[in-house]
C-alpha atoms as a PDB file:
ATOM      1  CA  UNK A   1     -13.002  -2.703  31.966  1.00  0.00           C
ATOM      2  CA  UNK A   2     -16.338  -4.204  32.602  1.00  0.00           C
ATOM      3  CA  UNK A   3     -17.046  -7.832  32.570  1.00  0.00           C
ATOM      4  CA  UNK A   4     -19.174  -9.442  29.761  1.00  0.00           C
ATOM      5  CA  UNK A   5     -21.605 -10.397  32.342  1.00  0.00           C
ATOM      6  CA  UNK A   6     -21.884  -6.643  33.779  1.00  0.00           C
ATOM      7  CA  UNK A   7     -22.549  -5.471  30.266  1.00  0.00           C
ATOM      8  CA  UNK A   8     -25.210  -8.135  29.699  1.00  0.00           C
ATOM      9  CA  UNK A   9     -26.907  -6.909  32.842  1.00  0.00           C
ATOM     10  CA  UNK A  10     -26.578  -3.529  31.597  1.00  0.00           C
ATOM     11  CA  UNK A  11     -28.187  -4.315  28.344  1.00  0.00           C
ATOM     12  CA  UNK A  12     -30.992  -6.531  30.266  1.00  0.00           C
ATOM     13  CA  UNK A  13     -31.953  -3.455  32.071  1.00  0.00           C
ATOM     14  CA  UNK A  14     -32.037  -0.866  29.449  1.00  0.00           C
ATOM     15  CA  UNK A  15     -34.386  -3.435  27.341  1.00  0.00           C
ATOM     16  CA  UNK A  16     -37.355  -1.524  28.924  1.00  0.00           C
ATOM     17  CA  UNK A  17     -36.464   1.704  27.191  1.00  0.00           C
ATOM     18  CA  UNK A  18     -34.873   0.132  24.429  1.00  0.00           C
ATOM     19  CA  UNK A  19     -37.838   0.417  21.790  1.00  0.00           C
ATOM     20  CA  UNK A  20     -38.154   4.028  22.478  1.00  0.00           C
ATOM     21  CA  UNK A  21     -34.605   4.768  21.797  1.00  0.00           C
ATOM     22  CA  UNK A  22     -34.743   2.546  18.786  1.00  0.00           C
ATOM     23  CA  UNK A  23     -37.789   4.153  17.238  1.00  0.00           C
ATOM     24  CA  UNK A  24     -35.400   7.507  17.561  1.00  0.00           C
ATOM     25  CA  UNK A  25     -32.277   6.105  16.087  1.00  0.00           C
ATOM     26  CA  UNK A  26     -33.430   3.486  13.641  1.00  0.00           C
ATOM     27  CA  UNK A  27     -37.005   3.381  12.833  1.00  0.00           C
ATOM     28  CA  UNK A  28     -36.719   0.530  10.481  1.00  0.00           C
ATOM     29  CA  UNK A  29     -35.281  -1.599  12.924  1.00  0.00           C
ATOM     30  CA  UNK A  30     -38.017  -0.586  15.437  1.00  0.00           C
ATOM     31  CA  UNK A  31     -40.537  -1.597  12.935  1.00  0.00           C
ATOM     32  CA  UNK A  32     -39.006  -4.903  12.232  1.00  0.00           C
ATOM     33  CA  UNK A  33     -38.973  -5.423  16.388  1.00  0.00           C
ATOM     34  CA  UNK A  34     -42.629  -4.681  16.686  1.00  0.00           C
ATOM     35  CA  UNK A  35     -43.664  -6.926  14.003  1.00  0.00           C
ATOM     36  CA  UNK A  36     -41.735  -9.754  15.193  1.00  0.00           C
ATOM     37  CA  UNK A  37     -43.273  -8.972  18.716  1.00  0.00           C
ATOM     38  CA  UNK A  38     -46.907  -8.783  17.616  1.00  0.00           C
ATOM     39  CA  UNK A  39     -46.066 -11.985  15.823  1.00  0.00           C
ATOM     40  CA  UNK A  40     -44.979 -13.687  18.973  1.00  0.00           C
ATOM     41  CA  UNK A  41     -47.726 -12.356  20.859  1.00  0.00           C
ATOM     42  CA  UNK A  42     -45.601 -10.129  23.008  1.00  0.00           C
ATOM     43  CA  UNK A  43     -44.694  -6.696  23.406  1.00  0.00           C
ATOM     44  CA  UNK A  44     -41.386  -5.401  22.091  1.00  0.00           C
ATOM     45  CA  UNK A  45     -39.889  -5.162  25.429  1.00  0.00           C
ATOM     46  CA  UNK A  46     -40.665  -8.948  25.836  1.00  0.00           C
ATOM     47  CA  UNK A  47     -39.290  -9.549  22.351  1.00  0.00           C
ATOM     48  CA  UNK A  48     -36.096  -7.780  23.397  1.00  0.00           C
ATOM     49  CA  UNK A  49     -35.881  -9.917  26.521  1.00  0.00           C
ATOM     50  CA  UNK A  50     -36.307 -13.187  24.608  1.00  0.00           C
ATOM     51  CA  UNK A  51     -33.761 -12.026  22.033  1.00  0.00           C
ATOM     52  CA  UNK A  52     -31.212 -11.776  24.950  1.00  0.00           C
ATOM     53  CA  UNK A  53     -32.324 -15.137  26.382  1.00  0.00           C
ATOM     54  CA  UNK A  54     -32.166 -16.771  23.031  1.00  0.00           C
ATOM     55  CA  UNK A  55     -28.615 -15.214  22.064  1.00  0.00           C
ATOM     56  CA  UNK A  56     -27.522 -16.474  25.601  1.00  0.00           C
ATOM     57  CA  UNK A  57     -28.485 -20.019  24.896  1.00  0.00           C
ATOM     58  CA  UNK A  58     -28.218 -20.689  21.171  1.00  0.00           C
ATOM     59  CA  UNK A  59     -25.989 -18.364  19.566  1.00  0.00           C
ATOM     60  CA  UNK A  60     -22.988 -19.916  17.960  1.00  0.00           C
ATOM     61  CA  UNK A  61     -19.325 -19.560  19.272  1.00  0.00           C
ATOM     62  CA  UNK A  62     -18.747 -17.275  15.885  1.00  0.00           C
ATOM     63  CA  UNK A  63     -21.783 -15.241  17.030  1.00  0.00           C
ATOM     64  CA  UNK A  64     -20.266 -14.638  20.453  1.00  0.00           C
ATOM     65  CA  UNK A  65     -16.856 -13.805  18.924  1.00  0.00           C
ATOM     66  CA  UNK A  66     -18.473 -11.593  16.677  1.00  0.00           C
ATOM     67  CA  UNK A  67     -20.227  -9.583  19.529  1.00  0.00           C
ATOM     68  CA  UNK A  68     -17.262  -9.592  21.767  1.00  0.00           C
ATOM     69  CA  UNK A  69     -14.697  -8.204  19.257  1.00  0.00           C
ATOM     70  CA  UNK A  70     -17.470  -5.464  18.380  1.00  0.00           C
ATOM     71  CA  UNK A  71     -17.598  -4.202  22.061  1.00  0.00           C
ATOM     72  CA  UNK A  72     -13.724  -3.079  21.735  1.00  0.00           C
ATOM     73  CA  UNK A  73     -14.814  -0.120  19.594  1.00  0.00           C
ATOM     74  CA  UNK A  74     -17.900   1.201  21.384  1.00  0.00           C
ATOM     75  CA  UNK A  75     -18.467   3.585  24.372  1.00  0.00           C
ATOM     76  CA  UNK A  76     -21.551   2.016  25.107  1.00  0.00           C
ATOM     77  CA  UNK A  77     -21.289  -1.997  25.414  1.00  0.00           C
ATOM     78  CA  UNK A  78     -24.649  -2.447  26.942  1.00  0.00           C
ATOM     79  CA  UNK A  79     -26.227  -1.073  24.222  1.00  0.00           C
ATOM     80  CA  UNK A  80     -24.221  -2.366  21.432  1.00  0.00           C
ATOM     81  CA  UNK A  81     -24.907  -5.996  23.200  1.00  0.00           C
ATOM     82  CA  UNK A  82     -28.569  -5.318  23.107  1.00  0.00           C
ATOM     83  CA  UNK A  83     -28.360  -4.071  19.355  1.00  0.00           C
ATOM     84  CA  UNK A  84     -26.385  -7.032  18.296  1.00  0.00           C
ATOM     85  CA  UNK A  85     -28.793  -9.705  20.096  1.00  0.00           C
ATOM     86  CA  UNK A  86     -31.761  -8.205  18.779  1.00  0.00           C
ATOM     87  CA  UNK A  87     -30.286  -8.100  15.105  1.00  0.00           C
ATOM     88  CA  UNK A  88     -29.221 -11.798  15.571  1.00  0.00           C
ATOM     89  CA  UNK A  89     -32.946 -12.804  16.962  1.00  0.00           C
ATOM     90  CA  UNK A  90     -34.500 -11.067  14.053  1.00  0.00           C
ATOM     91  CA  UNK A  91     -32.180 -12.677  11.223  1.00  0.00           C
ATOM     92  CA  UNK A  92     -31.319 -16.139  12.588  1.00  0.00           C
ATOM     93  CA  UNK A  93     -32.454 -19.337  11.254  1.00  0.00           C
ATOM     94  CA  UNK A  94     -32.277 -22.046  13.537  1.00  0.00           C
ATOM     95  CA  UNK A  95     -33.418 -25.382  13.728  1.00  0.00           C
ATOM     96  CA  UNK A  96     -36.930 -25.743  14.685  1.00  0.00           C
ATOM     97  CA  UNK A  97     -36.001 -26.918  18.261  1.00  0.00           C
ATOM     98  CA  UNK A  98     -34.355 -23.367  18.953  1.00  0.00           C
ATOM     99  CA  UNK A  99     -36.430 -20.840  17.027  1.00  0.00           C
ATOM    100  CA  UNK A 100     -40.092 -21.496  15.904  1.00  0.00           C
ATOM    101  CA  UNK A 101     -40.490 -20.593  12.363  1.00  0.00           C
ATOM    102  CA  UNK A 102     -43.050 -17.621  12.031  1.00  0.00           C
ATOM    103  CA  UNK A 103     -43.042 -15.789   8.229  1.00  0.00           C
ATOM    104  CA  UNK A 104     -43.473 -12.212   8.180  1.00  0.00           C
ATOM    105  CA  UNK A 105     -45.822 -12.651   5.005  1.00  0.00           C
ATOM    106  CA  UNK A 106     -46.286 -15.908   3.395  1.00  0.00           C
ATOM    107  CA  UNK A 107     -44.108 -15.721   0.244  1.00  0.00           C
ATOM    108  CA  UNK A 108     -42.090 -12.950   1.360  1.00  0.00           C
ATOM    109  CA  UNK A 109     -38.365 -13.094   0.562  1.00  0.00           C
ATOM    110  CA  UNK A 110     -37.537 -11.586   3.710  1.00  0.00           C
ATOM    111  CA  UNK A 111     -39.365 -14.620   5.602  1.00  0.00           C
ATOM    112  CA  UNK A 112     -37.029 -15.645   8.435  1.00  0.00           C
ATOM    113  CA  UNK A 113     -36.913 -17.774  11.723  1.00  0.00           C
ATOM    114  CA  UNK A 114     -37.909 -15.525  14.652  1.00  0.00           C
END
């Protein structure tokens, strides 16, 4: 069984091709990643790498527990980690020290910190 560090390295290594894969498998999430990346002034790949870094630094114990327990039921733990970390980054509402607040659209009910 691979160690968590190995799985994170696999996810990090696949982040460059992640956007193309995501566009084929989940176009809605791919669009969210692109929008968030543009708002942050980065490429989708850069955003994915930031999501991984932020998850590693700021995710709660509960977030980590959810991630690690979800890995038991997947054949591709690297991709599962990557998806979980990107989803977390897109949806997390953190303190301003950890997550700059950027609105998708002013007044949008889906406004979130990214």
